[in-house]
Amino acid sequence: MLYGPHSEPYMKRPTSNPHAKIMMATQRDYYEVLGVEKGASTDDIKRAYRKLAGKYHPDRNPGDATAVEKFKEASEAFDVLSSDDKRARYDRFGHAGVQGAAGRAGGAGFQDVEDIFEAFGGIFGDLFGNAGGRRSKGSRGRRGDHLRTAVTIDLVEAALGCNRELEIRRRVICTTCTGSGAKPGTTPSTCDYCGGHGQVVQSQGFFRVQTVCPACQGTGKVIRDKCVDCRGTRYGSTTVKLDVKIPAGVDNDMQIRVSGEGEPGENGGLSGDLYVDIRVKAHPLFQREGRHLLCEVPITFTQAALGTELEVPLIAGRHKLTIPAGTQPGETFRLRGQGMPDPHGGARGDLVVRAMVEVPKKLNKRYEELLRELADIEQKHVSAHHKGFFEQVKEFFTGHDGAE
């Protein structure tokens, strides 16, 4: 089974996101978002949020992405302004004062509406009634965890694209208990601590905060008699072979995302994804510089001075390159479109050929004579001829060393 069409390459950015700065620069004032004055009371902020959250609640605007974004924006503003500490820092320093705060507001904001429901818990039941809130965490499908692996390829494979068969280990539903976690013939029991709701409600001021049940971890069920094979975890482990397509142009520090090949989801949730780290081995002839390739070609002094035609390697094939007379050491020649392809669809890079003039370390007698004649013509000073060991031995025995 080929999973290549579901994979997509992207540049890994583990520490920074340039787009985040743009988002921060255009972030709206929190008081403006909720439509309240800077000196508004906590009750005013709550009423304003209740009005906006009711208007843009995802359950009341199915499929409306704009409403979801406005709901997240209002929730982010409420998260900051409803907290005395965050509000004080926000009033003094603006968004920078609450960036990275515990409530996840400021800068990054809420990434998913489920983050909002988990952060505020029972507030939504309090604001809208149970019909307007979300189902308990135990009844919602949870997406499976992502998996990660790595693959090493050579430069030619990176340039042309290739397929790799990868072996990964991931969880599978236990066949003995069919995923219940309970011993065959038994069933999980309703959690006594939360009454099967998966969450417990605690009062904090005038808010009701809903948190995950510590006894059942949000499932609403507890297993009295555990399955002997999975020991109540509901999962086993297996090795899976995947044929992954690696697109042309990938480089180190890139990843391939293979959708749906991570850990299985829970309660009907989607499976996670598989992320494949790319490692590209160094090549003996080509050096990579982004989309461009560099190839250093050795030539002799006479070829540089008189010109020549060389056959240089390409990623796929060969090319006859004309070296003009008078080429200087280190001079480069650019072959357009002979570099690496862009995995994101941009223009292909170039191959840059650098002429490296080689100076011979050893000269035969005739070669040295010609070079000395050339030095005379150029009227350039060169070192005197140094007699070799065997020349000195010969002169010693033949008496040609000038001794009387």
Protein backbone atom coordinates (compact mmCIF):
# COMPACT_ATOMS: atom_id res chain seq x y z
CA MET A 1 0.00 0.00 0.00
CA LEU A 2 1.46 3.32 -1.07
CA TYR A 3 1.10 6.20 1.36
CA GLY A 4 3.06 8.73 -0.64
CA PRO A 5 0.07 10.76 -1.92
CA HIS A 6 -0.91 11.49 1.69
CA SER A 7 2.48 12.83 2.64
CA GLU A 8 3.50 16.47 2.48
CA PRO A 9 6.95 17.99 3.08
CA TYR A 10 7.46 21.07 5.18
CA MET A 11 10.38 22.91 6.74
CA LYS A 12 10.87 22.05 10.35
CA ARG A 13 11.07 25.13 12.58
CA PRO A 14 11.55 23.92 16.15
CA THR A 15 12.29 27.22 17.84
CA SER A 16 10.66 30.04 15.91
CA ASN A 17 7.84 30.84 13.52
CA PRO A 18 8.27 34.03 11.46
CA HIS A 19 4.51 34.23 10.88
CA ALA A 20 3.85 34.41 14.63
CA LYS A 21 5.41 37.86 14.79
CA ILE A 22 3.09 39.11 12.06
CA MET A 23 0.08 37.75 13.93
CA MET A 24 1.21 39.42 17.14
CA ALA A 25 1.70 42.75 15.42
CA THR A 26 -1.93 42.79 14.19
CA GLN A 27 -3.56 41.34 17.33
CA ARG A 28 -6.61 43.32 18.44
CA ASP A 29 -6.94 44.99 21.81
CA TYR A 30 -8.70 42.65 24.27
CA TYR A 31 -11.05 45.36 25.53
CA GLU A 32 -11.99 46.13 21.93
CA VAL A 33 -12.60 42.42 21.26
CA LEU A 34 -15.10 42.16 24.12
CA GLY A 35 -16.53 45.62 23.48
CA VAL A 36 -15.95 46.92 27.03
CA GLU A 37 -14.19 49.94 28.53
CA LYS A 38 -10.76 49.58 30.12
CA GLY A 39 -12.24 50.11 33.57
CA ALA A 40 -14.99 47.51 33.13
CA SER A 41 -15.82 45.32 36.11
CA THR A 42 -15.43 41.56 36.16
CA ASP A 43 -19.22 41.18 35.82
CA ASP A 44 -19.18 43.47 32.76
CA ILE A 45 -16.43 41.35 31.19
CA LYS A 46 -18.35 38.16 31.94
CA ARG A 47 -21.56 39.53 30.39
CA ALA A 48 -19.71 40.75 27.30
CA TYR A 49 -18.02 37.40 26.86
CA ARG A 50 -21.28 35.54 27.39
CA LYS A 51 -22.87 37.56 24.61
CA LEU A 52 -20.02 37.00 22.12
CA ALA A 53 -19.48 33.35 23.03
CA GLY A 54 -23.19 32.69 22.61
CA LYS A 55 -23.13 34.39 19.20
CA TYR A 56 -20.05 32.63 17.87
CA HIS A 57 -20.25 29.30 19.74
CA PRO A 58 -19.18 26.48 17.34
CA ASP A 59 -22.26 24.41 18.11
CA ARG A 60 -24.43 27.31 16.94
CA ASN A 61 -22.31 28.00 13.83
CA PRO A 62 -21.46 24.57 12.37
CA GLY A 63 -18.93 24.76 9.55
CA ASP A 64 -18.35 28.52 9.96
CA ALA A 65 -14.58 29.01 10.24
CA THR A 66 -14.94 32.77 10.78
CA ALA A 67 -17.23 32.21 13.76
CA VAL A 68 -14.73 29.75 15.25
CA GLU A 69 -11.92 32.31 14.99
CA LYS A 70 -14.07 35.00 16.62
CA PHE A 71 -15.02 32.53 19.37
CA LYS A 72 -11.33 31.80 20.00
CA GLU A 73 -10.47 35.51 19.95
CA ALA A 74 -13.20 36.35 22.48
CA SER A 75 -12.16 33.43 24.70
CA GLU A 76 -8.55 34.57 24.63
CA ALA A 77 -9.58 38.09 25.65
CA PHE A 78 -11.82 36.73 28.42
CA ASP A 79 -9.04 34.44 29.68
CA VAL A 80 -6.79 37.46 30.24
CA LEU A 81 -9.27 40.11 31.39
CA SER A 82 -11.07 37.80 33.83
CA SER A 83 -7.81 37.22 35.71
CA ASP A 84 -6.68 40.04 37.99
CA ASP A 85 -3.00 39.14 37.56
CA LYS A 86 -3.07 38.78 33.77
CA ARG A 87 -5.24 41.86 33.37
CA ALA A 88 -2.81 43.96 35.40
CA ARG A 89 0.12 42.83 33.28
CA TYR A 90 -1.89 43.37 30.09
CA ASP A 91 -2.89 46.92 31.14
CA ARG A 92 0.76 47.74 31.79
CA PHE A 93 2.61 45.97 28.99
CA GLY A 94 -0.03 45.06 26.40
CA HIS A 95 0.05 41.69 24.66
CA ALA A 96 3.75 41.26 25.46
CA GLY A 97 2.89 41.23 29.15
CA VAL A 98 0.75 38.09 28.87
CA GLN A 99 2.59 36.26 26.12
CA GLY A 100 3.21 32.72 27.28
CA ALA A 101 0.98 33.14 30.38
CA ALA A 102 -0.46 30.07 32.01
CA GLY A 103 -3.83 30.62 30.38
CA ARG A 104 -2.26 30.28 26.93
CA ALA A 105 -3.44 33.72 26.00
CA GLY A 106 -1.31 36.38 24.42
CA GLY A 107 0.84 35.57 21.39
CA ALA A 108 -0.13 31.99 20.59
CA GLY A 109 -3.77 32.09 21.79
CA PHE A 110 -6.00 29.02 21.77
CA GLN A 111 -5.07 26.60 18.98
CA ASP A 112 -8.32 24.62 19.09
CA VAL A 113 -11.81 25.19 20.49
CA GLU A 114 -11.34 22.04 22.55
CA ASP A 115 -8.52 23.87 24.36
CA ILE A 116 -11.10 26.46 25.41
CA PHE A 117 -13.57 23.92 26.73
CA GLU A 118 -10.83 22.10 28.63
CA ALA A 119 -9.43 25.36 30.06
CA PHE A 120 -12.78 26.77 31.21
CA GLY A 121 -14.47 23.45 31.97
CA GLY A 122 -17.97 23.97 33.39
CA ILE A 123 -18.10 27.67 32.56
CA PHE A 124 -19.90 26.91 29.32
CA GLY A 125 -22.58 24.93 31.07
CA ASP A 126 -22.94 27.88 33.43
CA LEU A 127 -23.11 30.46 30.65
CA PHE A 128 -25.25 28.69 28.09
CA GLY A 129 -26.89 25.81 29.93
CA ASN A 130 -25.98 22.20 29.35
CA ALA A 131 -27.34 22.26 25.81
CA GLY A 132 -24.85 24.95 24.80
CA GLY A 133 -21.82 23.28 26.32
CA ARG A 134 -19.73 20.42 25.01
CA ARG A 135 -19.90 16.77 25.84
CA SER A 136 -17.66 15.54 28.60
CA LYS A 137 -14.12 14.67 27.65
CA GLY A 138 -14.82 11.02 28.26
CA SER A 139 -17.43 10.95 25.49
CA ARG A 140 -15.46 12.95 22.94
CA GLY A 141 -13.25 11.26 20.43
CA ARG A 142 -9.58 11.95 21.11
CA ARG A 143 -7.05 12.00 18.33
CA GLY A 144 -4.21 9.51 18.57
CA ASP A 145 -0.65 10.53 19.32
CA HIS A 146 1.78 11.35 16.52
CA LEU A 147 4.74 9.08 15.81
CA ARG A 148 8.19 10.03 14.58
CA THR A 149 10.92 8.20 12.74
CA ALA A 150 13.89 9.04 10.48
CA VAL A 151 15.19 7.95 7.10
CA THR A 152 18.62 8.45 5.49
CA ILE A 153 18.97 8.90 1.73
CA ASP A 154 21.75 10.00 -0.61
CA LEU A 155 21.87 13.23 -2.60
CA VAL A 156 20.79 11.63 -5.88
CA GLU A 157 17.70 10.15 -4.21
CA ALA A 158 16.98 13.54 -2.67
CA ALA A 159 17.23 15.16 -6.11
CA LEU A 160 15.09 12.65 -7.99
CA GLY A 161 12.71 11.56 -5.23
CA CYS A 162 12.37 7.98 -4.07
CA ASN A 163 10.30 5.52 -2.07
CA ARG A 164 11.32 4.00 1.22
CA GLU A 165 9.80 1.13 3.13
CA LEU A 166 9.70 2.07 6.79
CA GLU A 167 9.03 -0.14 9.79
CA ILE A 168 7.35 1.45 12.78
CA ARG A 169 5.85 0.10 15.97
CA ARG A 170 2.49 1.43 17.01
CA ARG A 171 -0.44 0.49 19.18
CA VAL A 172 -3.35 -1.62 17.99
CA ILE A 173 -6.61 -2.51 19.64
CA CYS A 174 -6.17 -5.56 21.86
CA THR A 175 -7.76 -8.54 20.10
CA THR A 176 -8.40 -10.38 23.37
CA CYS A 177 -10.67 -7.75 24.91
CA THR A 178 -11.53 -5.96 21.63
CA GLY A 179 -10.36 -2.69 23.16
CA SER A 180 -12.44 -2.69 26.32
CA GLY A 181 -9.47 -3.34 28.61
CA ALA A 182 -11.61 -5.74 30.63
CA LYS A 183 -11.22 -9.47 31.03
CA PRO A 184 -13.34 -11.33 28.42
CA GLY A 185 -16.79 -11.97 29.86
CA THR A 186 -16.68 -8.80 31.98
CA THR A 187 -17.32 -5.14 31.22
CA PRO A 188 -15.91 -1.88 32.58
CA SER A 189 -17.89 -0.39 35.45
CA THR A 190 -19.21 3.14 35.82
CA CYS A 191 -16.78 5.34 37.71
CA ASP A 192 -18.11 5.98 41.22
CA TYR A 193 -16.09 9.16 41.67
CA CYS A 194 -17.61 11.11 38.75
CA GLY A 195 -20.74 9.04 38.19
CA GLY A 196 -19.65 8.15 34.67
CA HIS A 197 -19.38 11.76 33.44
CA GLY A 198 -15.60 11.66 33.07
CA GLN A 199 -15.25 15.05 34.72
CA VAL A 200 -15.80 16.61 38.11
CA VAL A 201 -16.98 20.14 38.84
CA GLN A 202 -15.40 22.41 41.41
CA SER A 203 -16.47 25.92 42.41
CA GLN A 204 -13.99 28.77 42.05
CA GLY A 205 -15.60 32.07 42.98
CA PHE A 206 -18.67 32.56 40.86
CA PHE A 207 -17.37 30.13 38.21
CA ARG A 208 -17.80 26.40 38.09
CA VAL A 209 -14.56 24.76 36.89
CA GLN A 210 -14.84 21.37 35.29
CA THR A 211 -11.76 19.13 35.38
CA VAL A 212 -10.89 15.61 34.26
CA CYS A 213 -11.86 12.94 36.77
CA PRO A 214 -8.68 11.73 38.50
CA ALA A 215 -10.13 8.27 39.09
CA CYS A 216 -11.04 7.29 35.52
CA GLN A 217 -8.90 9.83 33.62
CA GLY A 218 -11.95 11.18 31.82
CA THR A 219 -13.30 7.89 30.45
CA GLY A 220 -16.22 7.61 32.88
CA LYS A 221 -15.39 3.92 33.30
CA VAL A 222 -13.13 1.90 35.57
CA ILE A 223 -11.89 -1.62 34.92
CA ARG A 224 -12.28 -4.01 37.85
CA ASP A 225 -11.08 -7.20 36.09
CA LYS A 226 -8.31 -6.31 33.65
CA CYS A 227 -7.54 -8.15 30.42
CA VAL A 228 -4.57 -10.49 30.95
CA ASP A 229 -3.01 -9.59 27.60
CA CYS A 230 -3.18 -5.78 27.59
CA ARG A 231 -3.47 -5.43 31.40
CA GLY A 232 -6.29 -2.95 31.04
CA THR A 233 -4.52 -0.63 28.61
CA ARG A 234 -6.84 -1.75 25.77
CA TYR A 235 -3.94 -1.81 23.33
CA GLY A 236 -1.23 -4.12 22.09
CA SER A 237 1.81 -3.32 19.95
CA THR A 238 2.67 -4.34 16.41
CA THR A 239 5.22 -3.61 13.68
CA VAL A 240 3.83 -1.97 10.55
CA LYS A 241 5.57 -1.61 7.18
CA LEU A 242 4.79 1.54 5.22
CA ASP A 243 5.86 2.49 1.71
CA VAL A 244 6.54 6.22 1.99
CA LYS A 245 7.14 8.46 -1.00
CA ILE A 246 9.93 11.01 -0.48
CA PRO A 247 9.44 13.97 -2.83
CA ALA A 248 12.27 15.36 -4.95
CA GLY A 249 14.22 18.23 -3.41
CA VAL A 250 14.05 17.32 0.28
CA ASP A 251 16.94 18.37 2.49
CA ASN A 252 18.21 17.90 6.02
CA ASP A 253 15.93 19.36 8.72
CA MET A 254 12.83 18.64 6.65
CA GLN A 255 10.05 16.24 7.55
CA ILE A 256 7.49 14.18 5.67
CA ARG A 257 4.04 14.00 7.25
CA VAL A 258 2.15 10.79 6.54
CA SER A 259 -1.46 11.39 7.53
CA GLY A 260 -3.24 8.90 9.74
CA GLU A 261 -0.29 6.56 10.30
CA GLY A 262 0.31 7.46 13.95
CA GLU A 263 -1.28 5.98 17.03
CA PRO A 264 -5.00 5.09 16.83
CA GLY A 265 -7.52 7.53 18.29
CA GLU A 266 -9.80 6.87 21.22
CA ASN A 267 -13.61 6.90 21.33
CA GLY A 268 -13.77 7.14 17.55
CA GLY A 269 -11.16 9.89 17.29
CA LEU A 270 -8.84 10.24 14.31
CA SER A 271 -5.49 8.50 14.22
CA GLY A 272 -2.37 10.57 14.69
CA ASP A 273 0.19 11.24 11.95
CA LEU A 274 3.64 9.84 11.25
CA TYR A 275 6.46 12.38 10.93
CA VAL A 276 9.56 11.24 9.04
CA ASP A 277 12.78 13.20 9.62
CA ILE A 278 14.95 13.42 6.51
CA ARG A 279 18.70 12.84 6.64
CA VAL A 280 20.69 13.40 3.41
CA LYS A 281 24.20 11.94 3.21
CA ALA A 282 27.11 14.05 1.96
CA HIS A 283 28.08 13.47 -1.70
CA PRO A 284 31.71 13.03 -2.84
CA LEU A 285 31.31 15.35 -5.87
CA PHE A 286 28.55 17.82 -5.04
CA GLN A 287 28.15 20.26 -2.19
CA ARG A 288 24.62 21.46 -1.55
CA GLU A 289 23.75 25.08 -0.86
CA GLY A 290 19.97 25.21 -0.61
CA ARG A 291 18.60 24.56 -4.10
CA HIS A 292 22.03 25.01 -5.72
CA LEU A 293 24.85 22.52 -6.12
CA LEU A 294 28.57 23.21 -6.21
CA CYS A 295 31.06 20.98 -8.02
CA GLU A 296 34.79 21.69 -7.92
CA VAL A 297 36.58 20.52 -11.07
CA PRO A 298 40.41 20.29 -11.17
CA ILE A 299 42.18 21.64 -14.26
CA THR A 300 45.85 22.08 -15.13
CA PHE A 301 47.66 25.36 -15.61
CA THR A 302 47.84 24.82 -19.36
CA GLN A 303 44.10 24.07 -19.57
CA ALA A 304 43.35 27.27 -17.65
CA ALA A 305 45.71 29.32 -19.82
CA LEU A 306 44.86 27.83 -23.22
CA GLY A 307 41.25 26.76 -22.65
CA THR A 308 39.74 23.31 -22.90
CA GLU A 309 36.51 21.33 -22.97
CA LEU A 310 35.67 19.18 -19.95
CA GLU A 311 32.99 16.63 -19.21
CA VAL A 312 31.45 17.51 -15.85
CA PRO A 313 28.99 15.35 -13.87
CA LEU A 314 25.34 16.19 -13.34
CA ILE A 315 22.92 14.65 -10.86
CA ALA A 316 21.55 12.69 -13.81
CA GLY A 317 23.98 12.49 -16.73
CA ARG A 318 26.97 14.50 -17.97
CA HIS A 319 27.61 17.87 -19.56
CA LYS A 320 30.40 19.16 -21.83
CA LEU A 321 31.63 22.42 -20.37
CA THR A 322 33.86 24.83 -22.30
CA ILE A 323 36.64 26.35 -20.20
CA PRO A 324 37.73 29.54 -22.00
CA ALA A 325 41.38 30.53 -22.34
CA GLY A 326 42.60 32.63 -19.46
CA THR A 327 40.34 31.07 -16.83
CA GLN A 328 41.43 32.15 -13.37
CA PRO A 329 41.75 29.87 -10.34
CA GLY A 330 38.40 29.60 -8.53
CA GLU A 331 36.40 31.02 -11.45
CA THR A 332 32.85 29.63 -11.59
CA PHE A 333 30.51 28.59 -14.38
CA ARG A 334 26.76 28.32 -13.77
CA LEU A 335 24.60 25.64 -15.40
CA ARG A 336 21.02 26.85 -15.09
CA GLY A 337 18.42 24.40 -13.86
CA GLN A 338 20.90 21.61 -13.10
CA GLY A 339 20.69 21.91 -9.32
CA MET A 340 18.11 20.60 -6.85
CA PRO A 341 14.35 20.83 -7.33
CA ASP A 342 12.24 22.80 -4.86
CA PRO A 343 9.96 20.42 -2.87
CA HIS A 344 7.46 23.27 -2.50
CA GLY A 345 7.15 23.81 -6.24
CA GLY A 346 9.57 26.68 -6.81
CA ALA A 347 12.21 27.00 -9.52
CA ARG A 348 14.93 24.38 -9.75
CA GLY A 349 18.38 25.43 -8.58
CA ASP A 350 21.63 25.67 -10.58
CA LEU A 351 24.85 23.71 -10.73
CA VAL A 352 27.87 25.91 -10.10
CA VAL A 353 31.15 24.51 -11.47
CA ARG A 354 34.29 25.94 -9.88
CA ALA A 355 37.59 25.60 -11.75
CA MET A 356 40.39 24.62 -9.38
CA VAL A 357 43.84 25.00 -10.96
CA GLU A 358 46.08 22.21 -9.72
CA VAL A 359 49.83 22.69 -9.31
CA PRO A 360 51.78 19.46 -9.81
CA LYS A 361 53.86 18.41 -6.81
CA LYS A 362 56.37 16.43 -8.93
CA LEU A 363 57.83 17.42 -12.31
CA ASN A 364 59.76 15.34 -14.79
CA LYS A 365 62.90 16.83 -16.31
CA ARG A 366 61.31 18.01 -19.56
CA TYR A 367 58.34 19.59 -17.72
CA GLU A 368 60.71 21.56 -15.50
CA GLU A 369 62.78 22.72 -18.48
CA LEU A 370 59.69 24.05 -20.24
CA LEU A 371 58.49 25.84 -17.15
CA ARG A 372 61.87 27.50 -16.69
CA GLU A 373 61.81 28.63 -20.30
CA LEU A 374 58.36 30.05 -19.66
CA ALA A 375 59.67 31.85 -16.59
CA ASP A 376 62.44 33.38 -18.70
CA ILE A 377 59.90 34.59 -21.23
CA GLU A 378 57.78 36.07 -18.46
CA GLN A 379 60.94 37.49 -16.89
CA LYS A 380 59.83 36.07 -13.57
CA HIS A 381 62.21 35.06 -10.82
CA VAL A 382 61.97 31.39 -9.83
CA SER A 383 63.93 29.23 -7.40
CA ALA A 384 67.17 27.71 -8.65
CA HIS A 385 67.23 24.10 -9.76
CA HIS A 386 67.82 21.83 -6.79
CA LYS A 387 69.88 18.74 -7.47
CA GLY A 388 68.25 15.54 -6.49
CA PHE A 389 69.90 12.84 -4.37
CA PHE A 390 70.73 10.58 -7.31
CA GLU A 391 72.15 13.50 -9.33
CA GLN A 392 74.49 14.25 -6.46
CA VAL A 393 75.52 10.56 -6.19
CA LYS A 394 76.23 10.41 -9.92
CA GLU A 395 78.39 13.53 -9.82
CA PHE A 396 80.21 12.19 -6.76
CA PHE A 397 81.27 9.01 -8.51
CA THR A 398 82.01 10.57 -11.91
CA GLY A 399 83.95 13.51 -10.49
CA HIS A 400 81.66 16.07 -12.08
CA ASP A 401 81.08 17.93 -8.88
CA GLY A 402 83.86 20.46 -9.71
CA ALA A 403 86.49 19.09 -7.29
CA GLU A 404 90.17 19.43 -8.29
